[in-house]
Amino acid sequence: MNFEIVGEISQAQTMATGSSIREIARLQKIYGRGRWRKRKGIGRVRLDDGSLCLAEIHWYEASGIGRKEFKIKALLESE
């Protein structure tokens, strides 16, 4: 599912860091070494059909590299 994040992500929390991330080897191979974190938060997204929804979003991020691989885990509210 393709989507666009509209506005800020709120209630961001870190779920895992470093070696406790299952995908750490793949992330380092693709994006480079860094202090990787798996994070989640709540944000407004625009889906392919143009509708806006509030969703729980998960992503990986590392300082100096940025946020990568956003995915929607749950749609919370539709407009």
N, C-alpha and C. Protein backbone atom coordinates (compact mmCIF):
# COMPACT_ATOMS: atom_id res chain seq x y z
N MET A 1 0.84 -1.17 0.00
CA MET A 1 0.00 0.00 0.00
C MET A 1 0.89 1.24 0.00
N ASN A 2 0.72 2.08 -1.00
CA ASN A 2 1.46 3.34 -1.05
C ASN A 2 0.68 4.41 -0.30
N PHE A 3 1.41 5.28 0.38
CA PHE A 3 0.77 6.34 1.15
C PHE A 3 1.74 7.50 1.30
N GLU A 4 1.20 8.64 1.71
CA GLU A 4 2.01 9.83 1.96
C GLU A 4 1.69 10.32 3.37
N ILE A 5 2.70 10.62 4.15
CA ILE A 5 2.49 11.14 5.49
C ILE A 5 2.19 12.62 5.39
N VAL A 6 1.08 13.04 6.02
CA VAL A 6 0.65 14.43 5.98
C VAL A 6 0.83 15.01 7.38
N GLY A 7 1.72 15.97 7.55
CA GLY A 7 1.95 16.57 8.86
C GLY A 7 2.98 15.81 9.68
N GLU A 8 2.91 16.03 10.97
CA GLU A 8 3.88 15.45 11.91
C GLU A 8 3.42 14.10 12.44
N ILE A 9 4.37 13.32 12.89
CA ILE A 9 4.08 12.06 13.58
C ILE A 9 4.13 12.33 15.07
N SER A 10 3.04 12.02 15.77
CA SER A 10 2.98 12.28 17.22
C SER A 10 3.13 10.97 17.99
N GLN A 11 3.32 11.08 19.27
CA GLN A 11 3.45 9.95 20.20
C GLN A 11 4.51 8.95 19.74
N ALA A 12 5.63 9.46 19.22
CA ALA A 12 6.69 8.57 18.74
C ALA A 12 7.38 7.88 19.91
N GLN A 13 7.59 6.58 19.76
CA GLN A 13 8.27 5.79 20.78
C GLN A 13 9.26 4.85 20.11
N THR A 14 10.32 4.55 20.82
CA THR A 14 11.30 3.58 20.33
C THR A 14 10.88 2.19 20.80
N MET A 15 10.80 1.25 19.85
CA MET A 15 10.41 -0.12 20.17
C MET A 15 11.62 -1.03 20.36
N ALA A 16 12.69 -0.76 19.60
CA ALA A 16 13.89 -1.60 19.68
C ALA A 16 15.09 -0.79 19.22
N THR A 17 16.28 -1.15 19.72
CA THR A 17 17.51 -0.47 19.30
C THR A 17 18.59 -1.50 19.04
N GLY A 18 19.52 -1.15 18.16
CA GLY A 18 20.72 -1.95 17.91
C GLY A 18 20.45 -3.40 17.58
N SER A 19 21.09 -4.29 18.29
CA SER A 19 21.04 -5.72 17.97
C SER A 19 19.68 -6.36 18.27
N SER A 20 18.79 -5.68 18.98
CA SER A 20 17.47 -6.24 19.22
C SER A 20 16.53 -6.04 18.04
N ILE A 21 16.99 -5.35 16.99
CA ILE A 21 16.22 -5.21 15.75
C ILE A 21 16.56 -6.41 14.88
N ARG A 22 15.54 -7.17 14.46
CA ARG A 22 15.76 -8.37 13.65
C ARG A 22 16.42 -8.06 12.31
N GLU A 23 16.10 -6.92 11.75
CA GLU A 23 16.55 -6.55 10.41
C GLU A 23 17.85 -5.74 10.40
N ILE A 24 18.59 -5.72 11.48
CA ILE A 24 19.75 -4.82 11.61
C ILE A 24 20.80 -5.07 10.52
N ALA A 25 21.09 -6.31 10.19
CA ALA A 25 22.11 -6.61 9.17
C ALA A 25 21.67 -6.07 7.81
N ARG A 26 20.40 -6.26 7.46
CA ARG A 26 19.89 -5.78 6.19
C ARG A 26 19.90 -4.25 6.14
N LEU A 27 19.51 -3.59 7.21
CA LEU A 27 19.51 -2.13 7.26
C LEU A 27 20.92 -1.57 7.08
N GLN A 28 21.89 -2.17 7.76
CA GLN A 28 23.28 -1.71 7.64
C GLN A 28 23.83 -1.95 6.25
N LYS A 29 23.44 -3.04 5.62
CA LYS A 29 23.92 -3.34 4.28
C LYS A 29 23.35 -2.35 3.26
N ILE A 30 22.07 -2.01 3.38
CA ILE A 30 21.42 -1.13 2.41
C ILE A 30 21.75 0.34 2.66
N TYR A 31 21.63 0.80 3.92
CA TYR A 31 21.72 2.22 4.23
C TYR A 31 23.03 2.64 4.91
N GLY A 32 23.75 1.69 5.47
CA GLY A 32 24.99 2.01 6.15
C GLY A 32 24.91 1.81 7.65
N ARG A 33 26.07 1.84 8.27
CA ARG A 33 26.14 1.65 9.72
C ARG A 33 25.64 2.89 10.43
N GLY A 34 25.01 2.69 11.54
CA GLY A 34 24.49 3.80 12.33
C GLY A 34 23.86 3.27 13.60
N ARG A 35 23.37 4.15 14.41
CA ARG A 35 22.67 3.76 15.64
C ARG A 35 21.18 3.59 15.29
N TRP A 36 20.85 2.40 14.83
CA TRP A 36 19.51 2.12 14.32
C TRP A 36 18.50 1.94 15.44
N ARG A 37 17.29 2.45 15.20
CA ARG A 37 16.17 2.30 16.12
C ARG A 37 14.93 1.92 15.33
N LYS A 38 14.10 1.06 15.88
CA LYS A 38 12.79 0.79 15.30
C LYS A 38 11.81 1.62 16.11
N ARG A 39 10.99 2.46 15.42
CA ARG A 39 10.11 3.39 16.12
C ARG A 39 8.68 3.26 15.62
N LYS A 40 7.76 3.77 16.41
CA LYS A 40 6.35 3.82 16.02
C LYS A 40 5.74 5.11 16.50
N GLY A 41 4.66 5.52 15.84
CA GLY A 41 3.96 6.73 16.21
C GLY A 41 2.62 6.81 15.49
N ILE A 42 1.89 7.88 15.77
CA ILE A 42 0.57 8.11 15.19
C ILE A 42 0.68 9.28 14.22
N GLY A 43 0.16 9.11 13.02
CA GLY A 43 0.22 10.18 12.03
C GLY A 43 -0.94 10.13 11.05
N ARG A 44 -1.17 11.24 10.40
CA ARG A 44 -2.20 11.32 9.37
C ARG A 44 -1.57 10.97 8.03
N VAL A 45 -2.22 10.07 7.29
CA VAL A 45 -1.69 9.61 6.02
C VAL A 45 -2.73 9.79 4.91
N ARG A 46 -2.25 10.03 3.70
CA ARG A 46 -3.11 10.07 2.51
C ARG A 46 -2.86 8.79 1.74
N LEU A 47 -3.92 8.00 1.56
CA LEU A 47 -3.81 6.72 0.86
C LEU A 47 -3.89 6.93 -0.65
N ASP A 48 -3.66 5.86 -1.42
CA ASP A 48 -3.69 5.91 -2.88
C ASP A 48 -4.99 6.48 -3.43
N ASP A 49 -6.11 6.15 -2.79
CA ASP A 49 -7.40 6.61 -3.28
C ASP A 49 -7.72 8.06 -2.91
N GLY A 50 -6.79 8.73 -2.22
CA GLY A 50 -6.96 10.13 -1.86
C GLY A 50 -7.57 10.38 -0.49
N SER A 51 -8.01 9.31 0.20
CA SER A 51 -8.63 9.49 1.51
C SER A 51 -7.56 9.74 2.57
N LEU A 52 -7.94 10.52 3.60
CA LEU A 52 -7.06 10.79 4.73
C LEU A 52 -7.46 9.90 5.89
N CYS A 53 -6.48 9.33 6.56
CA CYS A 53 -6.73 8.45 7.70
C CYS A 53 -5.70 8.72 8.78
N LEU A 54 -6.09 8.46 10.01
CA LEU A 54 -5.15 8.46 11.13
C LEU A 54 -4.64 7.02 11.24
N ALA A 55 -3.33 6.84 11.34
CA ALA A 55 -2.76 5.50 11.31
C ALA A 55 -1.60 5.37 12.28
N GLU A 56 -1.38 4.13 12.73
CA GLU A 56 -0.17 3.80 13.48
C GLU A 56 0.90 3.46 12.44
N ILE A 57 2.03 4.16 12.52
CA ILE A 57 3.09 4.03 11.53
C ILE A 57 4.34 3.49 12.23
N HIS A 58 5.02 2.54 11.58
CA HIS A 58 6.30 2.02 12.07
C HIS A 58 7.38 2.38 11.06
N TRP A 59 8.59 2.63 11.54
CA TRP A 59 9.72 2.94 10.65
C TRP A 59 11.03 2.67 11.38
N TYR A 60 12.12 2.69 10.60
CA TYR A 60 13.48 2.57 11.15
C TYR A 60 14.15 3.92 10.98
N GLU A 61 15.01 4.29 11.92
CA GLU A 61 15.77 5.53 11.76
C GLU A 61 17.13 5.41 12.43
N ALA A 62 18.07 6.18 11.89
CA ALA A 62 19.42 6.26 12.45
C ALA A 62 19.90 7.70 12.29
N SER A 63 20.64 8.18 13.27
CA SER A 63 21.16 9.54 13.17
C SER A 63 22.14 9.62 12.01
N GLY A 64 22.06 10.69 11.25
CA GLY A 64 22.91 10.86 10.09
C GLY A 64 22.38 10.18 8.84
N ILE A 65 21.44 9.26 8.99
CA ILE A 65 20.86 8.54 7.86
C ILE A 65 19.40 8.96 7.66
N GLY A 66 18.68 9.10 8.75
CA GLY A 66 17.29 9.54 8.67
C GLY A 66 16.30 8.41 8.83
N ARG A 67 15.03 8.73 8.57
CA ARG A 67 13.93 7.76 8.69
C ARG A 67 13.80 6.98 7.40
N LYS A 68 13.65 5.67 7.54
CA LYS A 68 13.56 4.78 6.37
C LYS A 68 12.45 3.76 6.56
N GLU A 69 11.89 3.29 5.46
CA GLU A 69 10.97 2.16 5.41
C GLU A 69 9.73 2.34 6.29
N PHE A 70 8.95 3.35 5.99
CA PHE A 70 7.69 3.57 6.70
C PHE A 70 6.69 2.50 6.31
N LYS A 71 5.88 2.06 7.28
CA LYS A 71 4.79 1.14 6.98
C LYS A 71 3.61 1.41 7.92
N ILE A 72 2.42 1.22 7.40
CA ILE A 72 1.20 1.38 8.20
C ILE A 72 0.93 0.06 8.88
N LYS A 73 0.79 0.09 10.20
CA LYS A 73 0.47 -1.13 10.94
C LYS A 73 -1.01 -1.22 11.25
N ALA A 74 -1.69 -0.07 11.43
CA ALA A 74 -3.11 -0.10 11.72
C ALA A 74 -3.74 1.23 11.31
N LEU A 75 -4.91 1.16 10.68
CA LEU A 75 -5.69 2.37 10.41
C LEU A 75 -6.57 2.61 11.62
N LEU A 76 -6.48 3.79 12.22
CA LEU A 76 -7.18 4.07 13.46
C LEU A 76 -8.49 4.83 13.24
N GLU A 77 -8.49 5.69 12.24
CA GLU A 77 -9.66 6.53 12.04
C GLU A 77 -9.66 7.00 10.59
N SER A 78 -10.83 7.00 9.97
CA SER A 78 -10.93 7.44 8.57
C SER A 78 -11.74 8.71 8.49
N GLU A 79 -11.40 9.57 7.52
CA GLU A 79 -12.14 10.83 7.35
C GLU A 79 -13.00 10.77 6.13
